[in-house]
Amino acid sequence: MTGYDPVILFGIFVALVLNFFNGLTDAAQGVATVVATRALSPGKAVFLTGVCNMFGPFVFTTAVAATIGTAIVSSGAMTPATIIVGMLASIALVFSATRIGIPLSSSHALIGGLIGASIAGFGFTAVILPAGSMVLGALGWGVLGAVTGAVVLAAITAALHGDYRFALLIGAICGAGLAIPLAIVFGLLKLTGLFAVVLFIFISPVLGATIAFLFDLLVSHLFRTSRQNRMKRVFTPLQILACLFQATGHGANDGMHAVGVITALLVSAGILATFAVPTWVVLLSAIAIGLGTCFGGWKVVDKMAKGITKIRPYQGFCAGTSGSTTLAFVTMHGIPVSSNHVISGAIVGVGVTRGKNAVHWNVVREMMTAWVITIPLAAACAWAGYMALTLVLPLLP
């Protein structure tokens, strides 16, 4: 990288630090279930998931990097100044959240940071807004799924003499959360850019929870006559495999953050003519997120592993497999999501199979609040940081 401008080199360094913190904080999503069920010791779990995080970008596509670098704010607003300020704001926010044990999404913190810095430098027109047809299409499929889910689940619950009113609510949420991804899979709906990111803040945990809930019911039925010791022997190694696959998906999704911003930096500096990801960028980013995961964010791990609900090895396998499936789906479609959101939803899904009181909903509410405010909070921090920087360097952007 000889001959690179010092600002670009600094930006590359900051991007790698961002990926390191990404791995540091999101270590929780990879090891929460295996730590909770004692399938692996925390040290072994973090090391193994760190290695899988490194390989993730090479297993899956770089579609998430393209979304980060080209589909959130306009290319004209992606200058070295806005990119670096946006990254610094997101790092500060994620680091602060990790210190107090809140599983903040580094994906959404970065997106919010880029939005805030770009607005400060170029105005609200810098943000790429969705087409009206995309919004209406998602709304239509969401309403259809919500109505169908509510009716089906309420009818089943009423037939079993359960609380059909609660079933109406859960059915509507899960139906909407399933209908939109299914429409995407069958090519009936295409979601891109910021709209997809915001929508999947809500869809990804619901999708993870729904798949985990149904998978848990299936496994419980198939092994209903098995003893606990036999189930533990069968599902402990399967749970470890699911955890490692999930960590690979995390590296391919969250690991693309630095890839996206470094490539955008190179384009903005004229080093690259088009947004084509260099192999060395993928390699450096993979190493950074892998090292971050090896250090682990232990307060976040503890909250996710023990705070949401108590899970058994077979439930850890169900949660890990469901989270992996969800991550693979969104990664292949280039949608940056929070791995913490996905696995938190999956843990809730397996917990609910023992009844709604088996889940510590106060912990879930705390997490959901952090998820909702991450993008606007990061945007506000980046906006303030960029405006402060213009006082020192008035020639920006």
Protein backbone atom coordinates (compact mmCIF):
# COMPACT_ATOMS: atom_id res chain seq x y z
CA MET A 1 0.00 0.00 0.00
CA THR A 2 2.94 2.30 -0.59
CA GLY A 3 2.09 5.64 -2.12
CA TYR A 4 -1.33 5.88 -0.46
CA ASP A 5 -2.36 9.24 0.95
CA PRO A 6 -1.94 9.38 4.78
CA VAL A 7 -5.66 10.16 5.16
CA ILE A 8 -6.56 7.03 3.20
CA LEU A 9 -4.12 4.94 5.25
CA PHE A 10 -5.65 6.33 8.43
CA GLY A 11 -9.13 5.52 7.11
CA ILE A 12 -8.07 1.93 6.37
CA PHE A 13 -6.67 1.63 9.89
CA VAL A 14 -9.91 2.95 11.41
CA ALA A 15 -11.94 0.51 9.30
CA LEU A 16 -9.88 -2.40 10.61
CA VAL A 17 -10.32 -1.14 14.17
CA LEU A 18 -14.07 -1.03 13.46
CA ASN A 19 -14.00 -4.66 12.37
CA PHE A 20 -11.96 -5.56 15.46
CA PHE A 21 -14.62 -4.00 17.70
CA ASN A 22 -17.27 -5.70 15.61
CA GLY A 23 -15.73 -9.05 16.44
CA LEU A 24 -15.20 -7.98 20.04
CA THR A 25 -18.84 -7.09 20.62
CA ASP A 26 -20.49 -9.67 18.40
CA ALA A 27 -18.47 -12.50 19.90
CA ALA A 28 -21.59 -12.86 22.03
CA GLN A 29 -23.78 -14.00 19.14
CA GLY A 30 -21.37 -16.78 18.23
CA VAL A 31 -20.77 -18.23 21.67
CA ALA A 32 -23.87 -17.37 23.71
CA THR A 33 -25.66 -20.68 23.27
CA VAL A 34 -22.61 -22.97 23.60
CA VAL A 35 -21.51 -21.11 26.73
CA ALA A 36 -25.02 -21.23 28.20
CA THR A 37 -25.27 -25.00 27.75
CA ARG A 38 -21.60 -25.61 28.66
CA ALA A 39 -20.98 -27.35 25.36
CA LEU A 40 -17.69 -25.45 25.20
CA SER A 41 -15.70 -23.38 27.65
CA PRO A 42 -15.83 -19.64 26.95
CA GLY A 43 -12.18 -19.58 25.88
CA LYS A 44 -12.49 -22.44 23.39
CA ALA A 45 -15.79 -21.10 22.06
CA VAL A 46 -14.42 -17.63 21.41
CA PHE A 47 -11.25 -18.95 19.75
CA LEU A 48 -13.12 -21.32 17.42
CA THR A 49 -15.70 -18.71 16.43
CA GLY A 50 -12.90 -16.23 15.83
CA VAL A 51 -11.33 -18.60 13.30
CA CYS A 52 -14.71 -19.14 11.60
CA ASN A 53 -15.28 -15.39 11.46
CA MET A 54 -12.06 -15.09 9.49
CA PHE A 55 -13.21 -17.63 6.90
CA GLY A 56 -16.74 -16.21 6.58
CA PRO A 57 -16.01 -13.58 3.90
CA PHE A 58 -14.38 -16.23 1.70
CA VAL A 59 -17.30 -18.67 2.03
CA PHE A 60 -20.11 -16.26 1.17
CA THR A 61 -20.43 -13.32 -1.22
CA THR A 62 -19.32 -9.69 -0.75
CA ALA A 63 -22.84 -8.40 -1.43
CA VAL A 64 -23.08 -6.84 2.04
CA ALA A 65 -19.91 -4.82 1.35
CA ALA A 66 -21.51 -3.41 -1.80
CA THR A 67 -24.61 -2.40 0.18
CA ILE A 68 -22.50 -0.62 2.81
CA GLY A 69 -20.33 1.12 0.23
CA THR A 70 -22.85 2.06 -2.46
CA ALA A 71 -26.50 1.73 -1.37
CA ILE A 72 -26.82 3.75 1.86
CA VAL A 73 -25.59 7.21 0.86
CA SER A 74 -24.80 8.59 -2.59
CA SER A 75 -21.32 8.03 -3.99
CA GLY A 76 -20.67 11.77 -4.07
CA ALA A 77 -21.15 11.95 -0.30
CA MET A 78 -18.77 9.05 0.39
CA THR A 79 -15.66 11.17 0.87
CA PRO A 80 -12.70 10.24 3.08
CA ALA A 81 -13.91 12.77 5.67
CA THR A 82 -17.49 11.47 5.92
CA ILE A 83 -16.37 7.83 5.92
CA ILE A 84 -13.75 8.33 8.63
CA VAL A 85 -16.02 10.45 10.85
CA GLY A 86 -18.84 7.95 10.43
CA MET A 87 -16.57 5.08 11.43
CA LEU A 88 -15.13 6.91 14.44
CA ALA A 89 -18.63 7.72 15.70
CA SER A 90 -19.75 4.12 15.35
CA ILE A 91 -16.62 2.80 17.10
CA ALA A 92 -17.15 5.16 20.04
CA LEU A 93 -20.80 4.15 20.34
CA VAL A 94 -20.16 0.40 20.10
CA PHE A 95 -17.27 0.59 22.57
CA SER A 96 -19.41 2.47 25.11
CA ALA A 97 -22.27 -0.02 24.76
CA THR A 98 -19.93 -2.99 25.17
CA ARG A 99 -18.53 -1.55 28.39
CA ILE A 100 -21.98 -1.67 29.98
CA GLY A 101 -22.99 -5.00 28.42
CA ILE A 102 -25.55 -3.86 25.84
CA PRO A 103 -25.44 -5.88 22.58
CA LEU A 104 -25.48 -2.90 20.24
CA SER A 105 -25.42 -3.57 16.51
CA SER A 106 -22.11 -2.52 15.01
CA SER A 107 -23.73 -2.89 11.57
CA HIS A 108 -26.37 -0.31 12.36
CA ALA A 109 -23.91 1.92 14.22
CA LEU A 110 -21.75 2.11 11.08
CA ILE A 111 -24.75 2.76 8.85
CA GLY A 112 -25.99 5.48 11.18
CA GLY A 113 -22.51 7.00 11.32
CA LEU A 114 -22.23 7.16 7.54
CA ILE A 115 -25.70 8.72 7.30
CA GLY A 116 -25.01 11.36 9.96
CA ALA A 117 -21.64 12.42 8.54
CA SER A 118 -23.02 12.53 4.98
CA ILE A 119 -25.98 14.66 6.03
CA ALA A 120 -23.63 17.04 7.84
CA GLY A 121 -21.44 17.39 4.76
CA PHE A 122 -23.96 17.22 1.91
CA GLY A 123 -27.47 17.56 3.32
CA PHE A 124 -30.37 15.12 3.48
CA THR A 125 -30.22 14.49 -0.27
CA ALA A 126 -27.08 12.43 0.35
CA VAL A 127 -29.19 9.61 1.80
CA ILE A 128 -30.47 7.10 -0.80
CA LEU A 129 -34.20 6.76 -0.13
CA PRO A 130 -36.25 3.75 -1.30
CA ALA A 131 -38.60 3.83 -4.27
CA GLY A 132 -42.28 4.05 -3.43
CA SER A 133 -42.99 0.75 -5.16
CA MET A 134 -40.51 -1.03 -2.90
CA VAL A 135 -42.16 0.34 0.24
CA LEU A 136 -45.67 -0.50 -0.97
CA GLY A 137 -44.58 -4.00 -2.00
CA ALA A 138 -43.08 -4.72 1.43
CA LEU A 139 -46.16 -3.25 3.13
CA GLY A 140 -48.49 -5.40 1.06
CA TRP A 141 -46.64 -8.64 1.77
CA GLY A 142 -46.33 -7.71 5.45
CA VAL A 143 -50.06 -7.10 5.83
CA LEU A 144 -50.90 -10.32 3.97
CA GLY A 145 -48.54 -12.31 6.19
CA ALA A 146 -49.81 -10.66 9.36
CA VAL A 147 -53.47 -11.41 8.59
CA THR A 148 -52.73 -14.99 7.55
CA GLY A 149 -50.52 -15.67 10.58
CA ALA A 150 -53.01 -14.14 13.02
CA VAL A 151 -55.96 -16.13 11.65
CA VAL A 152 -54.11 -19.47 11.49
CA LEU A 153 -52.47 -19.27 14.92
CA ALA A 154 -55.63 -17.93 16.60
CA ALA A 155 -57.69 -20.76 15.10
CA ILE A 156 -55.21 -23.40 16.29
CA THR A 157 -55.02 -21.85 19.75
CA ALA A 158 -58.80 -21.58 20.07
CA ALA A 159 -59.17 -25.25 19.09
CA LEU A 160 -56.72 -26.14 21.86
CA HIS A 161 -58.64 -23.86 24.29
CA GLY A 162 -55.73 -21.50 24.67
CA ASP A 163 -55.50 -17.69 24.81
CA TYR A 164 -56.46 -16.86 21.23
CA ARG A 165 -56.08 -13.10 21.77
CA PHE A 166 -52.38 -13.48 22.55
CA ALA A 167 -52.15 -15.85 19.58
CA LEU A 168 -53.59 -13.17 17.31
CA LEU A 169 -50.72 -10.82 18.21
CA ILE A 170 -47.97 -13.43 17.94
CA GLY A 171 -49.42 -14.82 14.72
CA ALA A 172 -49.52 -11.37 13.13
CA ILE A 173 -45.90 -10.59 14.10
CA CYS A 174 -44.55 -13.96 12.95
CA GLY A 175 -46.68 -13.98 9.80
CA ALA A 176 -45.37 -10.59 8.69
CA GLY A 177 -41.81 -11.62 9.61
CA LEU A 178 -42.07 -14.74 7.44
CA ALA A 179 -44.04 -13.36 4.49
CA ILE A 180 -41.50 -10.72 3.43
CA PRO A 181 -38.46 -13.07 3.40
CA LEU A 182 -40.50 -15.69 1.53
CA ALA A 183 -41.49 -13.09 -1.06
CA ILE A 184 -37.79 -12.25 -1.48
CA VAL A 185 -36.82 -15.93 -1.86
CA PHE A 186 -39.41 -16.50 -4.61
CA GLY A 187 -38.43 -13.32 -6.45
CA LEU A 188 -41.72 -11.55 -5.75
CA LEU A 189 -40.10 -8.72 -3.78
CA LYS A 190 -36.71 -7.02 -3.96
CA LEU A 191 -35.43 -4.97 -1.04
CA THR A 192 -32.22 -2.92 -1.18
CA GLY A 193 -30.34 -0.19 0.62
CA LEU A 194 -31.36 1.63 3.77
CA PHE A 195 -34.99 0.49 3.60
CA ALA A 196 -33.93 -3.18 3.70
CA VAL A 197 -31.60 -2.47 6.63
CA VAL A 198 -34.28 -0.69 8.69
CA LEU A 199 -36.96 -3.25 7.87
CA PHE A 200 -34.75 -6.17 8.88
CA ILE A 201 -34.06 -4.58 12.26
CA PHE A 202 -37.52 -5.93 13.05
CA ILE A 203 -37.72 -8.88 10.65
CA SER A 204 -34.39 -10.61 11.44
CA PRO A 205 -35.07 -11.28 15.15
CA VAL A 206 -38.67 -12.31 14.38
CA LEU A 207 -37.44 -14.63 11.63
CA GLY A 208 -34.80 -16.13 13.91
CA ALA A 209 -37.35 -16.58 16.72
CA THR A 210 -39.99 -18.15 14.47
CA ILE A 211 -37.61 -20.63 12.84
CA ALA A 212 -36.08 -21.54 16.22
CA PHE A 213 -39.53 -22.00 17.81
CA LEU A 214 -40.75 -24.33 15.04
CA PHE A 215 -37.44 -26.22 14.91
CA ASP A 216 -37.49 -26.67 18.67
CA LEU A 217 -41.02 -28.10 18.53
CA LEU A 218 -39.98 -30.53 15.79
CA VAL A 219 -36.87 -31.74 17.63
CA SER A 220 -38.79 -32.04 20.92
CA HIS A 221 -41.41 -34.18 19.19
CA LEU A 222 -38.88 -36.43 17.46
CA PHE A 223 -36.93 -37.01 20.69
CA ARG A 224 -39.88 -36.96 23.08
CA THR A 225 -39.08 -40.44 24.45
CA SER A 226 -35.33 -39.87 24.78
CA ARG A 227 -33.61 -39.34 28.10
CA GLN A 228 -31.90 -36.05 28.86
CA ASN A 229 -28.44 -37.66 28.97
CA ARG A 230 -28.86 -39.17 25.51
CA MET A 231 -30.12 -35.89 24.08
CA LYS A 232 -27.13 -34.12 25.56
CA ARG A 233 -24.70 -36.60 23.95
CA VAL A 234 -26.42 -36.23 20.58
CA PHE A 235 -26.92 -32.47 20.50
CA THR A 236 -23.78 -31.12 22.17
CA PRO A 237 -21.52 -31.75 19.11
CA LEU A 238 -24.34 -30.67 16.77
CA GLN A 239 -24.69 -27.47 18.73
CA ILE A 240 -20.97 -26.77 18.38
CA LEU A 241 -21.19 -27.27 14.60
CA ALA A 242 -24.20 -24.93 14.41
CA CYS A 243 -22.29 -22.33 16.43
CA LEU A 244 -19.31 -22.49 14.06
CA PHE A 245 -21.51 -22.21 10.98
CA GLN A 246 -23.24 -19.24 12.55
CA ALA A 247 -19.87 -17.59 13.23
CA THR A 248 -18.97 -18.11 9.56
CA GLY A 249 -22.16 -16.32 8.55
CA HIS A 250 -21.34 -13.53 10.98
CA GLY A 251 -17.95 -13.02 9.38
CA ALA A 252 -19.57 -12.88 5.94
CA ASN A 253 -22.18 -10.33 7.00
CA ASP A 254 -20.69 -8.17 9.73
CA GLY A 255 -17.17 -8.79 8.45
CA MET A 256 -18.06 -6.96 5.26
CA HIS A 257 -18.33 -3.61 7.07
CA ALA A 258 -14.66 -2.79 6.80
CA VAL A 259 -14.55 -4.24 3.29
CA GLY A 260 -17.31 -1.89 2.18
CA VAL A 261 -15.90 1.28 3.70
CA ILE A 262 -12.28 0.57 2.69
CA THR A 263 -13.36 -0.05 -0.90
CA ALA A 264 -15.45 3.13 -0.82
CA LEU A 265 -12.41 5.01 0.51
CA LEU A 266 -10.28 3.73 -2.37
CA VAL A 267 -12.95 4.75 -4.88
CA SER A 268 -13.30 8.22 -3.33
CA ALA A 269 -9.52 8.71 -3.54
CA GLY A 270 -9.45 7.65 -7.19
CA ILE A 271 -7.33 4.56 -6.42
CA LEU A 272 -10.14 2.35 -7.73
CA ALA A 273 -12.21 3.36 -10.75
CA THR A 274 -15.25 1.30 -9.71
CA PHE A 275 -16.51 -0.42 -6.56
CA ALA A 276 -14.58 -3.68 -7.05
CA VAL A 277 -13.44 -5.30 -3.79
CA PRO A 278 -9.69 -6.11 -3.72
CA THR A 279 -8.71 -9.48 -2.21
CA TRP A 280 -6.26 -7.89 0.24
CA VAL A 281 -9.10 -5.81 1.70
CA VAL A 282 -11.17 -8.93 2.37
CA LEU A 283 -8.15 -10.65 3.94
CA LEU A 284 -7.24 -7.78 6.28
CA SER A 285 -10.86 -7.30 7.33
CA ALA A 286 -11.27 -11.02 8.03
CA ILE A 287 -8.16 -11.04 10.22
CA ALA A 288 -9.37 -7.96 12.14
CA ILE A 289 -12.81 -9.38 12.93
CA GLY A 290 -11.30 -12.76 13.81
CA LEU A 291 -8.89 -11.19 16.30
CA GLY A 292 -11.68 -9.11 17.80
CA THR A 293 -13.82 -12.19 18.31
CA CYS A 294 -10.93 -13.99 20.03
CA PHE A 295 -10.82 -11.27 22.70
CA GLY A 296 -14.59 -11.46 23.26
CA GLY A 297 -17.09 -9.03 24.76
CA TRP A 298 -17.72 -10.91 27.96
CA LYS A 299 -20.44 -8.69 29.45
CA VAL A 300 -22.47 -9.06 26.27
CA VAL A 301 -21.80 -12.82 26.20
CA ASP A 302 -23.06 -13.13 29.76
CA LYS A 303 -26.25 -11.19 29.04
CA MET A 304 -27.11 -13.19 25.93
CA ALA A 305 -26.01 -16.56 27.33
CA LYS A 306 -27.74 -16.30 30.69
CA GLY A 307 -29.99 -13.25 30.72
CA ILE A 308 -32.66 -14.07 28.13
CA THR A 309 -33.66 -17.60 29.09
CA LYS A 310 -32.27 -20.93 30.26
CA ILE A 311 -31.61 -23.29 27.36
CA ARG A 312 -30.69 -26.98 27.02
CA PRO A 313 -28.15 -28.40 24.53
CA TYR A 314 -30.80 -29.40 21.97
CA GLN A 315 -32.28 -25.90 22.24
CA GLY A 316 -28.82 -24.42 21.74
CA PHE A 317 -28.59 -26.49 18.56
CA CYS A 318 -32.01 -25.24 17.43
CA ALA A 319 -31.13 -21.62 18.18
CA GLY A 320 -27.72 -21.85 16.51
CA THR A 321 -29.06 -23.57 13.41
CA SER A 322 -31.93 -21.10 13.09
CA GLY A 323 -29.61 -18.15 13.52
CA SER A 324 -27.18 -19.57 10.95
CA THR A 325 -29.97 -20.09 8.42
CA THR A 326 -31.26 -16.55 8.88
CA LEU A 327 -27.77 -15.06 8.58
CA ALA A 328 -27.03 -17.05 5.43
CA PHE A 329 -30.27 -15.85 3.85
CA VAL A 330 -29.75 -12.13 4.50
CA THR A 331 -26.05 -12.31 3.58
CA MET A 332 -26.78 -13.88 0.19
CA HIS A 333 -29.23 -11.02 -0.49
CA GLY A 334 -26.72 -8.33 0.57
CA ILE A 335 -28.68 -7.11 3.60
CA PRO A 336 -26.49 -5.92 6.51
CA VAL A 337 -28.12 -7.13 9.72
CA SER A 338 -27.05 -7.44 13.32
CA SER A 339 -26.01 -10.97 14.19
CA ASN A 340 -26.91 -10.15 17.78
CA HIS A 341 -30.47 -9.40 16.68
CA VAL A 342 -30.73 -12.73 14.89
CA ILE A 343 -29.36 -14.95 17.66
CA SER A 344 -31.24 -13.03 20.37
CA GLY A 345 -34.46 -13.74 18.48
CA ALA A 346 -33.51 -17.40 18.11
CA ILE A 347 -32.82 -17.72 21.85
CA VAL A 348 -36.21 -16.14 22.58
CA GLY A 349 -37.81 -18.57 20.13
CA VAL A 350 -36.51 -21.67 21.90
CA GLY A 351 -37.31 -20.16 25.29
CA VAL A 352 -40.94 -19.52 24.41
CA THR A 353 -41.49 -23.24 23.75
CA ARG A 354 -41.52 -23.62 27.56
CA GLY A 355 -44.08 -20.84 27.90
CA LYS A 356 -43.91 -17.06 27.66
CA ASN A 357 -42.88 -16.80 31.33
CA ALA A 358 -39.66 -18.74 30.59
CA VAL A 359 -38.22 -15.68 28.87
CA HIS A 360 -36.89 -12.68 30.80
CA TRP A 361 -38.74 -10.06 28.80
CA ASN A 362 -37.14 -7.13 30.61
CA VAL A 363 -33.77 -8.15 29.10
CA VAL A 364 -35.40 -8.52 25.67
CA ARG A 365 -37.02 -5.06 25.97
CA GLU A 366 -33.67 -3.52 26.90
CA MET A 367 -32.05 -5.09 23.84
CA MET A 368 -34.88 -4.05 21.52
CA THR A 369 -34.65 -0.46 22.74
CA ALA A 370 -30.93 -0.43 21.93
CA TRP A 371 -31.64 -1.87 18.47
CA VAL A 372 -34.20 0.81 17.59
CA ILE A 373 -32.14 3.79 18.71
CA THR A 374 -28.77 2.65 17.29
CA ILE A 375 -29.02 4.16 13.79
CA PRO A 376 -30.43 7.58 14.84
CA LEU A 377 -28.05 7.81 17.80
CA ALA A 378 -25.01 6.95 15.67
CA ALA A 379 -26.20 9.41 13.01
CA ALA A 380 -26.50 12.18 15.61
CA CYS A 381 -23.00 11.44 16.97
CA ALA A 382 -21.47 11.44 13.49
CA TRP A 383 -23.31 14.62 12.50
CA ALA A 384 -22.02 16.40 15.63
CA GLY A 385 -18.51 15.05 15.05
CA TYR A 386 -18.44 16.19 11.43
CA MET A 387 -19.76 19.67 12.31
CA ALA A 388 -17.11 19.98 15.03
CA LEU A 389 -14.43 18.92 12.56
CA THR A 390 -15.51 21.62 10.09
CA LEU A 391 -14.70 24.21 12.76
CA VAL A 392 -11.13 22.96 12.78
CA LEU A 393 -10.88 22.19 9.04
CA PRO A 394 -13.32 24.60 7.40
CA LEU A 395 -12.52 23.36 3.88
CA LEU A 396 -14.36 20.06 4.42
CA PRO A 397 -15.80 18.08 2.77
